[in-house]
PDB file of N, CA and C in Angstrom:
ATOM      1  N   MET A   1      -5.338 -20.911  19.409  1.00  0.00           N
ATOM      2  CA  MET A   1      -5.596 -20.425  18.076  1.00  0.00           C
ATOM      3  C   MET A   1      -4.252 -20.321  17.341  1.00  0.00           C
ATOM      4  N   ASP A   2      -4.150 -20.951  16.155  1.00  0.00           N
ATOM      5  CA  ASP A   2      -2.889 -20.883  15.426  1.00  0.00           C
ATOM      6  C   ASP A   2      -2.807 -19.595  14.604  1.00  0.00           C
ATOM      7  N   ALA A   3      -1.652 -19.369  13.978  1.00  0.00           N
ATOM      8  CA  ALA A   3      -1.394 -18.117  13.267  1.00  0.00           C
ATOM      9  C   ALA A   3      -2.369 -17.915  12.113  1.00  0.00           C
ATOM     10  N   THR A   4      -2.712 -18.990  11.387  1.00  0.00           N
ATOM     11  CA  THR A   4      -3.639 -18.861  10.251  1.00  0.00           C
ATOM     12  C   THR A   4      -5.026 -18.471  10.726  1.00  0.00           C
ATOM     13  N   ASP A   5      -5.488 -19.066  11.825  1.00  0.00           N
ATOM     14  CA  ASP A   5      -6.805 -18.706  12.374  1.00  0.00           C
ATOM     15  C   ASP A   5      -6.821 -17.260  12.861  1.00  0.00           C
ATOM     16  N   GLN A   6      -5.749 -16.846  13.507  1.00  0.00           N
ATOM     17  CA  GLN A   6      -5.673 -15.467  13.991  1.00  0.00           C
ATOM     18  C   GLN A   6      -5.644 -14.490  12.815  1.00  0.00           C
ATOM     19  N   LEU A   7      -4.907 -14.836  11.769  1.00  0.00           N
ATOM     20  CA  LEU A   7      -4.861 -13.992  10.583  1.00  0.00           C
ATOM     21  C   LEU A   7      -6.234 -13.913   9.927  1.00  0.00           C
ATOM     22  N   ARG A   8      -6.921 -15.046   9.829  1.00  0.00           N
ATOM     23  CA  ARG A   8      -8.288 -15.066   9.272  1.00  0.00           C
ATOM     24  C   ARG A   8      -9.223 -14.153  10.066  1.00  0.00           C
ATOM     25  N   ARG A   9      -9.115 -14.220  11.369  1.00  0.00           N
ATOM     26  CA  ARG A   9      -9.967 -13.391  12.238  1.00  0.00           C
ATOM     27  C   ARG A   9      -9.674 -11.910  12.006  1.00  0.00           C
ATOM     28  N   LEU A  10      -8.404 -11.555  11.956  1.00  0.00           N
ATOM     29  CA  LEU A  10      -8.038 -10.162  11.731  1.00  0.00           C
ATOM     30  C   LEU A  10      -8.396  -9.697  10.322  1.00  0.00           C
ATOM     31  N   LEU A  11      -8.284 -10.573   9.333  1.00  0.00           N
ATOM     32  CA  LEU A  11      -8.712 -10.227   7.977  1.00  0.00           C
ATOM     33  C   LEU A  11     -10.211  -9.960   7.943  1.00  0.00           C
ATOM     34  N   GLY A  12     -10.974 -10.782   8.648  1.00  0.00           N
ATOM     35  CA  GLY A  12     -12.417 -10.573   8.723  1.00  0.00           C
ATOM     36  C   GLY A  12     -12.755  -9.232   9.351  1.00  0.00           C
ATOM     37  N   LEU A  13     -12.040  -8.871  10.397  1.00  0.00           N
ATOM     38  CA  LEU A  13     -12.246  -7.578  11.052  1.00  0.00           C
ATOM     39  C   LEU A  13     -11.896  -6.431  10.101  1.00  0.00           C
ATOM     40  N   ALA A  14     -10.792  -6.567   9.376  1.00  0.00           N
ATOM     41  CA  ALA A  14     -10.399  -5.541   8.410  1.00  0.00           C
ATOM     42  C   ALA A  14     -11.446  -5.399   7.305  1.00  0.00           C
ATOM     43  N   LEU A  15     -11.987  -6.515   6.859  1.00  0.00           N
ATOM     44  CA  LEU A  15     -13.028  -6.477   5.820  1.00  0.00           C
ATOM     45  C   LEU A  15     -14.291  -5.798   6.322  1.00  0.00           C
ATOM     46  N   ARG A  16     -14.723  -6.172   7.525  1.00  0.00           N
ATOM     47  CA  ARG A  16     -15.946  -5.579   8.075  1.00  0.00           C
ATOM     48  C   ARG A  16     -15.797  -4.082   8.308  1.00  0.00           C
ATOM     49  N   SER A  17     -14.582  -3.648   8.639  1.00  0.00           N
ATOM     50  CA  SER A  17     -14.361  -2.221   8.874  1.00  0.00           C
ATOM     51  C   SER A  17     -13.955  -1.483   7.590  1.00  0.00           C
ATOM     52  N   ARG A  18     -13.934  -2.213   6.482  1.00  0.00           N
ATOM     53  CA  ARG A  18     -13.614  -1.646   5.158  1.00  0.00           C
ATOM     54  C   ARG A  18     -12.241  -0.981   5.148  1.00  0.00           C
ATOM     55  N   ARG A  19     -11.286  -1.631   5.787  1.00  0.00           N
ATOM     56  CA  ARG A  19      -9.915  -1.123   5.841  1.00  0.00           C
ATOM     57  C   ARG A  19      -8.992  -2.022   5.022  1.00  0.00           C
ATOM     58  N   VAL A  20      -9.450  -2.383   3.815  1.00  0.00           N
ATOM     59  CA  VAL A  20      -8.684  -3.249   2.931  1.00  0.00           C
ATOM     60  C   VAL A  20      -8.685  -2.701   1.509  1.00  0.00           C
ATOM     61  N   ALA A  21      -7.680  -3.101   0.760  1.00  0.00           N
ATOM     62  CA  ALA A  21      -7.601  -2.860  -0.673  1.00  0.00           C
ATOM     63  C   ALA A  21      -7.529  -4.243  -1.314  1.00  0.00           C
ATOM     64  N   LEU A  22      -8.482  -4.552  -2.173  1.00  0.00           N
ATOM     65  CA  LEU A  22      -8.576  -5.892  -2.740  1.00  0.00           C
ATOM     66  C   LEU A  22      -8.018  -5.930  -4.162  1.00  0.00           C
ATOM     67  N   GLY A  23      -6.961  -6.696  -4.369  1.00  0.00           N
ATOM     68  CA  GLY A  23      -6.390  -6.868  -5.692  1.00  0.00           C
ATOM     69  C   GLY A  23      -5.251  -5.906  -5.987  1.00  0.00           C
ATOM     70  N   ARG A  24      -4.593  -6.160  -7.118  1.00  0.00           N
ATOM     71  CA  ARG A  24      -3.399  -5.389  -7.492  1.00  0.00           C
ATOM     72  C   ARG A  24      -3.687  -3.906  -7.668  1.00  0.00           C
ATOM     73  N   ALA A  25      -4.721  -3.575  -8.438  1.00  0.00           N
ATOM     74  CA  ALA A  25      -5.005  -2.161  -8.732  1.00  0.00           C
ATOM     75  C   ALA A  25      -5.334  -1.391  -7.453  1.00  0.00           C
ATOM     76  N   ALA A  26      -6.148  -1.960  -6.599  1.00  0.00           N
ATOM     77  CA  ALA A  26      -6.516  -1.281  -5.350  1.00  0.00           C
ATOM     78  C   ALA A  26      -5.306  -1.143  -4.430  1.00  0.00           C
ATOM     79  N   CYS A  27      -4.438  -2.145  -4.402  1.00  0.00           N
ATOM     80  CA  CYS A  27      -3.223  -2.054  -3.590  1.00  0.00           C
ATOM     81  C   CYS A  27      -2.297  -0.976  -4.136  1.00  0.00           C
ATOM     82  N   ARG A  28      -2.194  -0.876  -5.472  1.00  0.00           N
ATOM     83  CA  ARG A  28      -1.373   0.178  -6.079  1.00  0.00           C
ATOM     84  C   ARG A  28      -1.895   1.557  -5.692  1.00  0.00           C
ATOM     85  N   ARG A  29      -3.227   1.745  -5.758  1.00  0.00           N
ATOM     86  CA  ARG A  29      -3.813   3.036  -5.400  1.00  0.00           C
ATOM     87  C   ARG A  29      -3.549   3.367  -3.937  1.00  0.00           C
ATOM     88  N   ALA A  30      -3.771   2.393  -3.051  1.00  0.00           N
ATOM     89  CA  ALA A  30      -3.559   2.617  -1.618  1.00  0.00           C
ATOM     90  C   ALA A  30      -2.083   2.922  -1.330  1.00  0.00           C
ATOM     91  N   ALA A  31      -1.178   2.230  -2.005  1.00  0.00           N
ATOM     92  CA  ALA A  31       0.247   2.479  -1.811  1.00  0.00           C
ATOM     93  C   ALA A  31       0.618   3.880  -2.296  1.00  0.00           C
ATOM     94  N   ALA A  32       0.064   4.297  -3.426  1.00  0.00           N
ATOM     95  CA  ALA A  32       0.355   5.630  -3.974  1.00  0.00           C
ATOM     96  C   ALA A  32      -0.153   6.729  -3.043  1.00  0.00           C
ATOM     97  N   GLN A  33      -1.243   6.462  -2.323  1.00  0.00           N
ATOM     98  CA  GLN A  33      -1.811   7.434  -1.398  1.00  0.00           C
ATOM     99  C   GLN A  33      -1.147   7.383  -0.019  1.00  0.00           C
ATOM    100  N   GLY A  34      -0.242   6.438   0.167  1.00  0.00           N
ATOM    101  CA  GLY A  34       0.413   6.288   1.470  1.00  0.00           C
ATOM    102  C   GLY A  34      -0.479   5.659   2.521  1.00  0.00           C
ATOM    103  N   ALA A  35      -1.539   4.985   2.087  1.00  0.00           N
ATOM    104  CA  ALA A  35      -2.506   4.410   3.015  1.00  0.00           C
ATOM    105  C   ALA A  35      -2.289   2.920   3.277  1.00  0.00           C
ATOM    106  N   LEU A  36      -1.347   2.302   2.593  1.00  0.00           N
ATOM    107  CA  LEU A  36      -1.138   0.864   2.719  1.00  0.00           C
ATOM    108  C   LEU A  36      -0.144   0.580   3.839  1.00  0.00           C
ATOM    109  N   HIS A  37      -0.568  -0.245   4.819  1.00  0.00           N
ATOM    110  CA  HIS A  37       0.286  -0.565   5.962  1.00  0.00           C
ATOM    111  C   HIS A  37       0.794  -1.998   5.938  1.00  0.00           C
ATOM    112  N   LEU A  38       0.136  -2.846   5.162  1.00  0.00           N
ATOM    113  CA  LEU A  38       0.544  -4.248   5.064  1.00  0.00           C
ATOM    114  C   LEU A  38      -0.032  -4.837   3.790  1.00  0.00           C
ATOM    115  N   LEU A  39       0.747  -5.687   3.146  1.00  0.00           N
ATOM    116  CA  LEU A  39       0.278  -6.405   1.977  1.00  0.00           C
ATOM    117  C   LEU A  39       0.232  -7.885   2.336  1.00  0.00           C
ATOM    118  N   VAL A  40      -0.928  -8.504   2.167  1.00  0.00           N
ATOM    119  CA  VAL A  40      -1.095  -9.935   2.419  1.00  0.00           C
ATOM    120  C   VAL A  40      -1.108 -10.626   1.061  1.00  0.00           C
ATOM    121  N   VAL A  41      -0.197 -11.568   0.878  1.00  0.00           N
ATOM    122  CA  VAL A  41      -0.025 -12.263  -0.395  1.00  0.00           C
ATOM    123  C   VAL A  41      -0.459 -13.714  -0.220  1.00  0.00           C
ATOM    124  N   ALA A  42      -1.305 -14.191  -1.121  1.00  0.00           N
ATOM    125  CA  ALA A  42      -1.761 -15.583  -1.063  1.00  0.00           C
ATOM    126  C   ALA A  42      -0.575 -16.526  -1.249  1.00  0.00           C
ATOM    127  N   ARG A  43      -0.654 -17.669  -0.638  1.00  0.00           N
ATOM    128  CA  ARG A  43       0.410 -18.675  -0.678  1.00  0.00           C
ATOM    129  C   ARG A  43       0.821 -19.021  -2.107  1.00  0.00           C
ATOM    130  N   ASP A  44      -0.132 -19.112  -3.008  1.00  0.00           N
ATOM    131  CA  ASP A  44       0.147 -19.545  -4.376  1.00  0.00           C
ATOM    132  C   ASP A  44       0.156 -18.395  -5.382  1.00  0.00           C
ATOM    133  N   ALA A  45       0.287 -17.175  -4.912  1.00  0.00           N
ATOM    134  CA  ALA A  45       0.380 -16.023  -5.820  1.00  0.00           C
ATOM    135  C   ALA A  45       1.758 -16.029  -6.483  1.00  0.00           C
ATOM    136  N   GLY A  46       1.793 -15.664  -7.741  1.00  0.00           N
ATOM    137  CA  GLY A  46       3.050 -15.612  -8.468  1.00  0.00           C
ATOM    138  C   GLY A  46       3.883 -14.399  -8.083  1.00  0.00           C
ATOM    139  N   ALA A  47       5.143 -14.418  -8.475  1.00  0.00           N
ATOM    140  CA  ALA A  47       6.055 -13.313  -8.175  1.00  0.00           C
ATOM    141  C   ALA A  47       5.581 -12.017  -8.808  1.00  0.00           C
ATOM    142  N   SER A  48       4.909 -12.098  -9.953  1.00  0.00           N
ATOM    143  CA  SER A  48       4.446 -10.878 -10.618  1.00  0.00           C
ATOM    144  C   SER A  48       3.374 -10.160  -9.803  1.00  0.00           C
ATOM    145  N   ALA A  49       2.606 -10.885  -9.013  1.00  0.00           N
ATOM    146  CA  ALA A  49       1.565 -10.252  -8.194  1.00  0.00           C
ATOM    147  C   ALA A  49       2.192  -9.273  -7.213  1.00  0.00           C
ATOM    148  N   LEU A  50       3.238  -9.686  -6.558  1.00  0.00           N
ATOM    149  CA  LEU A  50       3.918  -8.814  -5.602  1.00  0.00           C
ATOM    150  C   LEU A  50       4.637  -7.681  -6.328  1.00  0.00           C
ATOM    151  N   ARG A  51       5.295  -8.016  -7.416  1.00  0.00           N
ATOM    152  CA  ARG A  51       6.034  -7.001  -8.177  1.00  0.00           C
ATOM    153  C   ARG A  51       5.092  -5.931  -8.733  1.00  0.00           C
ATOM    154  N   ASP A  52       3.905  -6.324  -9.194  1.00  0.00           N
ATOM    155  CA  ASP A  52       2.938  -5.399  -9.781  1.00  0.00           C
ATOM    156  C   ASP A  52       2.087  -4.667  -8.757  1.00  0.00           C
ATOM    157  N   SER A  53       2.296  -4.935  -7.472  1.00  0.00           N
ATOM    158  CA  SER A  53       1.461  -4.334  -6.431  1.00  0.00           C
ATOM    159  C   SER A  53       1.743  -2.854  -6.221  1.00  0.00           C
ATOM    160  N   GLY A  54       2.893  -2.390  -6.655  1.00  0.00           N
ATOM    161  CA  GLY A  54       3.251  -0.990  -6.461  1.00  0.00           C
ATOM    162  C   GLY A  54       3.728  -0.678  -5.061  1.00  0.00           C
ATOM    163  N   VAL A  55       4.026  -1.689  -4.278  1.00  0.00           N
ATOM    164  CA  VAL A  55       4.440  -1.502  -2.897  1.00  0.00           C
ATOM    165  C   VAL A  55       5.937  -1.253  -2.844  1.00  0.00           C
ATOM    166  N   SER A  56       6.317  -0.235  -2.116  1.00  0.00           N
ATOM    167  CA  SER A  56       7.741   0.070  -1.943  1.00  0.00           C
ATOM    168  C   SER A  56       8.314  -0.775  -0.816  1.00  0.00           C
ATOM    169  N   GLY A  57       9.604  -0.688  -0.644  1.00  0.00           N
ATOM    170  CA  GLY A  57      10.272  -1.454   0.408  1.00  0.00           C
ATOM    171  C   GLY A  57       9.878  -1.058   1.812  1.00  0.00           C
ATOM    172  N   SER A  58       9.199   0.061   1.966  1.00  0.00           N
ATOM    173  CA  SER A  58       8.818   0.505   3.306  1.00  0.00           C
ATOM    174  C   SER A  58       7.527  -0.141   3.805  1.00  0.00           C
ATOM    175  N   VAL A  59       6.805  -0.816   2.928  1.00  0.00           N
ATOM    176  CA  VAL A  59       5.553  -1.483   3.327  1.00  0.00           C
ATOM    177  C   VAL A  59       5.837  -2.965   3.536  1.00  0.00           C
ATOM    178  N   PRO A  60       5.589  -3.473   4.743  1.00  0.00           N
ATOM    179  CA  PRO A  60       5.829  -4.899   4.985  1.00  0.00           C
ATOM    180  C   PRO A  60       4.796  -5.763   4.269  1.00  0.00           C
ATOM    181  N   TRP A  61       5.167  -7.012   4.050  1.00  0.00           N
ATOM    182  CA  TRP A  61       4.225  -7.953   3.450  1.00  0.00           C
ATOM    183  C   TRP A  61       4.402  -9.315   4.098  1.00  0.00           C
ATOM    184  N   ILE A  62       3.335 -10.083   4.045  1.00  0.00           N
ATOM    185  CA  ILE A  62       3.386 -11.452   4.539  1.00  0.00           C
ATOM    186  C   ILE A  62       2.784 -12.367   3.485  1.00  0.00           C
ATOM    187  N   ARG A  63       3.350 -13.550   3.358  1.00  0.00           N
ATOM    188  CA  ARG A  63       2.771 -14.591   2.508  1.00  0.00           C
ATOM    189  C   ARG A  63       1.977 -15.480   3.453  1.00  0.00           C
ATOM    190  N   CYS A  64       0.665 -15.432   3.330  1.00  0.00           N
ATOM    191  CA  CYS A  64      -0.178 -16.181   4.267  1.00  0.00           C
ATOM    192  C   CYS A  64      -0.323 -17.636   3.819  1.00  0.00           C
ATOM    193  N   GLU A  65      -0.831 -18.455   4.687  1.00  0.00           N
ATOM    194  CA  GLU A  65      -1.029 -19.873   4.398  1.00  0.00           C
ATOM    195  C   GLU A  65      -2.266 -20.132   3.549  1.00  0.00           C
ATOM    196  N   LEU A  66      -3.049 -19.087   3.277  1.00  0.00           N
ATOM    197  CA  LEU A  66      -4.249 -19.233   2.461  1.00  0.00           C
ATOM    198  C   LEU A  66      -3.884 -19.111   0.988  1.00  0.00           C
ATOM    199  N   GLY A  67      -4.451 -19.987   0.172  1.00  0.00           N
ATOM    200  CA  GLY A  67      -4.258 -19.891  -1.263  1.00  0.00           C
ATOM    201  C   GLY A  67      -5.166 -18.819  -1.855  1.00  0.00           C
ATOM    202  N   LYS A  68      -5.025 -18.564  -3.150  1.00  0.00           N
ATOM    203  CA  LYS A  68      -5.824 -17.532  -3.817  1.00  0.00           C
ATOM    204  C   LYS A  68      -7.321 -17.820  -3.706  1.00  0.00           C
ATOM    205  N   HIS A  69      -7.702 -19.091  -3.815  1.00  0.00           N
ATOM    206  CA  HIS A  69      -9.131 -19.427  -3.716  1.00  0.00           C
ATOM    207  C   HIS A  69      -9.657 -19.205  -2.306  1.00  0.00           C
ATOM    208  N   ASP A  70      -8.864 -19.591  -1.299  1.00  0.00           N
ATOM    209  CA  ASP A  70      -9.286 -19.402   0.098  1.00  0.00           C
ATOM    210  C   ASP A  70      -9.349 -17.925   0.466  1.00  0.00           C
ATOM    211  N   LEU A  71      -8.347 -17.158   0.053  1.00  0.00           N
ATOM    212  CA  LEU A  71      -8.347 -15.728   0.333  1.00  0.00           C
ATOM    213  C   LEU A  71      -9.514 -15.054  -0.385  1.00  0.00           C
ATOM    214  N   GLY A  72      -9.767 -15.465  -1.613  1.00  0.00           N
ATOM    215  CA  GLY A  72     -10.902 -14.933  -2.362  1.00  0.00           C
ATOM    216  C   GLY A  72     -12.233 -15.248  -1.703  1.00  0.00           C
ATOM    217  N   ARG A  73     -12.362 -16.458  -1.208  1.00  0.00           N
ATOM    218  CA  ARG A  73     -13.604 -16.872  -0.544  1.00  0.00           C
ATOM    219  C   ARG A  73     -13.889 -16.007   0.681  1.00  0.00           C
ATOM    220  N   LEU A  74     -12.837 -15.582   1.386  1.00  0.00           N
ATOM    221  CA  LEU A  74     -13.022 -14.717   2.558  1.00  0.00           C
ATOM    222  C   LEU A  74     -13.646 -13.374   2.191  1.00  0.00           C
ATOM    223  N   VAL A  75     -13.391 -12.910   0.963  1.00  0.00           N
ATOM    224  CA  VAL A  75     -13.869 -11.590   0.560  1.00  0.00           C
ATOM    225  C   VAL A  75     -14.999 -11.649  -0.457  1.00  0.00           C
ATOM    226  N   GLY A  76     -15.476 -12.853  -0.773  1.00  0.00           N
ATOM    227  CA  GLY A  76     -16.597 -12.991  -1.702  1.00  0.00           C
ATOM    228  C   GLY A  76     -16.187 -12.973  -3.166  1.00  0.00           C
ATOM    229  N   ARG A  77     -14.978 -13.361  -3.465  1.00  0.00           N
ATOM    230  CA  ARG A  77     -14.487 -13.451  -4.841  1.00  0.00           C
ATOM    231  C   ARG A  77     -14.088 -14.891  -5.140  1.00  0.00           C
ATOM    232  N   ALA A  78     -13.949 -15.174  -6.435  1.00  0.00           N
ATOM    233  CA  ALA A  78     -13.502 -16.510  -6.821  1.00  0.00           C
ATOM    234  C   ALA A  78     -12.072 -16.754  -6.349  1.00  0.00           C
ATOM    235  N   GLU A  79     -11.209 -15.761  -6.556  1.00  0.00           N
ATOM    236  CA  GLU A  79      -9.840 -15.850  -6.044  1.00  0.00           C
ATOM    237  C   GLU A  79      -9.269 -14.450  -5.861  1.00  0.00           C
ATOM    238  N   LEU A  80      -8.267 -14.367  -5.010  1.00  0.00           N
ATOM    239  CA  LEU A  80      -7.622 -13.093  -4.713  1.00  0.00           C
ATOM    240  C   LEU A  80      -6.173 -13.374  -4.340  1.00  0.00           C
ATOM    241  N   ALA A  81      -5.245 -12.750  -5.062  1.00  0.00           N
ATOM    242  CA  ALA A  81      -3.823 -12.972  -4.800  1.00  0.00           C
ATOM    243  C   ALA A  81      -3.268 -11.989  -3.789  1.00  0.00           C
ATOM    244  N   LEU A  82      -3.764 -10.732  -3.802  1.00  0.00           N
ATOM    245  CA  LEU A  82      -3.236  -9.675  -2.938  1.00  0.00           C
ATOM    246  C   LEU A  82      -4.354  -8.976  -2.180  1.00  0.00           C
ATOM    247  N   LEU A  83      -4.078  -8.689  -0.928  1.00  0.00           N
ATOM    248  CA  LEU A  83      -5.006  -7.926  -0.113  1.00  0.00           C
ATOM    249  C   LEU A  83      -4.170  -6.927   0.676  1.00  0.00           C
ATOM    250  N   GLY A  84      -4.494  -5.657   0.560  1.00  0.00           N
ATOM    251  CA  GLY A  84      -3.785  -4.623   1.294  1.00  0.00           C
ATOM    252  C   GLY A  84      -4.571  -4.220   2.527  1.00  0.00           C
ATOM    253  N   VAL A  85      -3.879  -3.993   3.622  1.00  0.00           N
ATOM    254  CA  VAL A  85      -4.507  -3.568   4.874  1.00  0.00           C
ATOM    255  C   VAL A  85      -4.190  -2.088   5.068  1.00  0.00           C
ATOM    256  N   THR A  86      -5.239  -1.276   5.242  1.00  0.00           N
ATOM    257  CA  THR A  86      -5.064   0.172   5.352  1.00  0.00           C
ATOM    258  C   THR A  86      -5.202   0.705   6.770  1.00  0.00           C
ATOM    259  N   ASP A  87      -5.391  -0.171   7.725  1.00  0.00           N
ATOM    260  CA  ASP A  87      -5.482   0.224   9.124  1.00  0.00           C
ATOM    261  C   ASP A  87      -4.177  -0.157   9.823  1.00  0.00           C
ATOM    262  N   PRO A  88      -3.485   0.804  10.432  1.00  0.00           N
ATOM    263  CA  PRO A  88      -2.183   0.488  11.033  1.00  0.00           C
ATOM    264  C   PRO A  88      -2.255  -0.494  12.206  1.00  0.00           C
ATOM    265  N   GLN A  89      -3.293  -0.421  13.025  1.00  0.00           N
ATOM    266  CA  GLN A  89      -3.400  -1.341  14.158  1.00  0.00           C
ATOM    267  C   GLN A  89      -3.691  -2.775  13.693  1.00  0.00           C
ATOM    268  N   LEU A  90      -4.580  -2.914  12.712  1.00  0.00           N
ATOM    269  CA  LEU A  90      -4.861  -4.257  12.191  1.00  0.00           C
ATOM    270  C   LEU A  90      -3.627  -4.827  11.503  1.00  0.00           C
ATOM    271  N   ALA A  91      -2.915  -3.986  10.769  1.00  0.00           N
ATOM    272  CA  ALA A  91      -1.690  -4.434  10.112  1.00  0.00           C
ATOM    273  C   ALA A  91      -0.675  -4.919  11.147  1.00  0.00           C
ATOM    274  N   ALA A  92      -0.524  -4.175  12.237  1.00  0.00           N
ATOM    275  CA  ALA A  92       0.415  -4.572  13.294  1.00  0.00           C
ATOM    276  C   ALA A  92       0.004  -5.906  13.918  1.00  0.00           C
ATOM    277  N   GLY A  93      -1.290  -6.100  14.124  1.00  0.00           N
ATOM    278  CA  GLY A  93      -1.768  -7.366  14.670  1.00  0.00           C
ATOM    279  C   GLY A  93      -1.500  -8.532  13.740  1.00  0.00           C
ATOM    280  N   MET A  94      -1.671  -8.306  12.440  1.00  0.00           N
ATOM    281  CA  MET A  94      -1.407  -9.368  11.466  1.00  0.00           C
ATOM    282  C   MET A  94       0.077  -9.687  11.396  1.00  0.00           C
ATOM    283  N   LEU A  95       0.910  -8.666  11.508  1.00  0.00           N
ATOM    284  CA  LEU A  95       2.355  -8.903  11.517  1.00  0.00           C
ATOM    285  C   LEU A  95       2.765  -9.717  12.739  1.00  0.00           C
ATOM    286  N   ARG A  96       2.147  -9.432  13.876  1.00  0.00           N
ATOM    287  CA  ARG A  96       2.448 -10.204  15.093  1.00  0.00           C
ATOM    288  C   ARG A  96       1.996 -11.656  14.940  1.00  0.00           C
ATOM    289  N   ALA A  97       0.881 -11.861  14.238  1.00  0.00           N
ATOM    290  CA  ALA A  97       0.348 -13.212  14.068  1.00  0.00           C
ATOM    291  C   ALA A  97       1.150 -14.014  13.047  1.00  0.00           C
ATOM    292  N   ALA A  98       1.833 -13.329  12.170  1.00  0.00           N
ATOM    293  CA  ALA A  98       2.560 -14.010  11.083  1.00  0.00           C
ATOM    294  C   ALA A  98       3.809 -14.697  11.605  1.00  0.00           C
ATOM    295  N   ALA A  99       4.085 -15.845  11.039  1.00  0.00           N
ATOM    296  CA  ALA A  99       5.326 -16.539  11.345  1.00  0.00           C
ATOM    297  C   ALA A  99       5.804 -17.207  10.060  1.00  0.00           C
ATOM    298  N   PRO A 100       6.992 -16.988   9.648  1.00  0.00           N
ATOM    299  CA  PRO A 100       8.029 -16.166  10.239  1.00  0.00           C
ATOM    300  C   PRO A 100       7.743 -14.688  10.041  1.00  0.00           C
ATOM    301  N   PRO A 101       8.544 -13.814  10.650  1.00  0.00           N
ATOM    302  CA  PRO A 101       8.312 -12.367  10.515  1.00  0.00           C
ATOM    303  C   PRO A 101       8.288 -11.930   9.061  1.00  0.00           C
ATOM    304  N   ALA A 102       7.531 -10.883   8.801  1.00  0.00           N
ATOM    305  CA  ALA A 102       7.376 -10.370   7.438  1.00  0.00           C
ATOM    306  C   ALA A 102       8.677  -9.766   6.940  1.00  0.00           C
ATOM    307  N   GLU A 103       8.788  -9.724   5.612  1.00  0.00           N
ATOM    308  CA  GLU A 103       9.951  -9.157   4.957  1.00  0.00           C
ATOM    309  C   GLU A 103       9.516  -7.957   4.145  1.00  0.00           C
ATOM    310  N   ALA A 104      10.464  -7.129   3.777  1.00  0.00           N
ATOM    311  CA  ALA A 104      10.176  -6.032   2.853  1.00  0.00           C
ATOM    312  C   ALA A 104      10.158  -6.610   1.441  1.00  0.00           C
ATOM    313  N   PRO A 105       9.283  -6.111   0.555  1.00  0.00           N
ATOM    314  CA  PRO A 105       9.233  -6.647  -0.804  1.00  0.00           C
ATOM    315  C   PRO A 105      10.504  -6.307  -1.580  1.00  0.00           C
ATOM    316  N   PRO A 106      10.835  -7.165  -2.538  1.00  0.00           N
ATOM    317  CA  PRO A 106      12.019  -6.874  -3.335  1.00  0.00           C
ATOM    318  C   PRO A 106      11.795  -5.628  -4.160  1.00  0.00           C
ATOM    319  N   GLY A 107      12.847  -4.893  -4.368  1.00  0.00           N
ATOM    320  CA  GLY A 107      12.590  -3.843  -5.206  1.00  0.00           C
ATOM    321  C   GLY A 107      13.117  -2.599  -5.366  1.00  0.00           C
TER     322      GLY A 107
END
């Protein structure tokens, strides 16, 4: 299983367990509450998506191989640029699956 397939599987698990924040506004709310453990950014998301997410440097993020349309399709939307993970164990699993290692957001 490659990294993208493993990430897809873990994203599906996070969605089924309702441990996600979908979109910029939801990620901002989760970050403000201290509930955001990982930010997943679509491959083709613009720089403003990450900047507007409200995520501080203490929250890791990964740019996944899925585009906005593919990430959106996973969650039942037309497109999705940002997805926040609110479960620490799922976030850790996604970070392990990511290659190269995640970076802290600029800021």
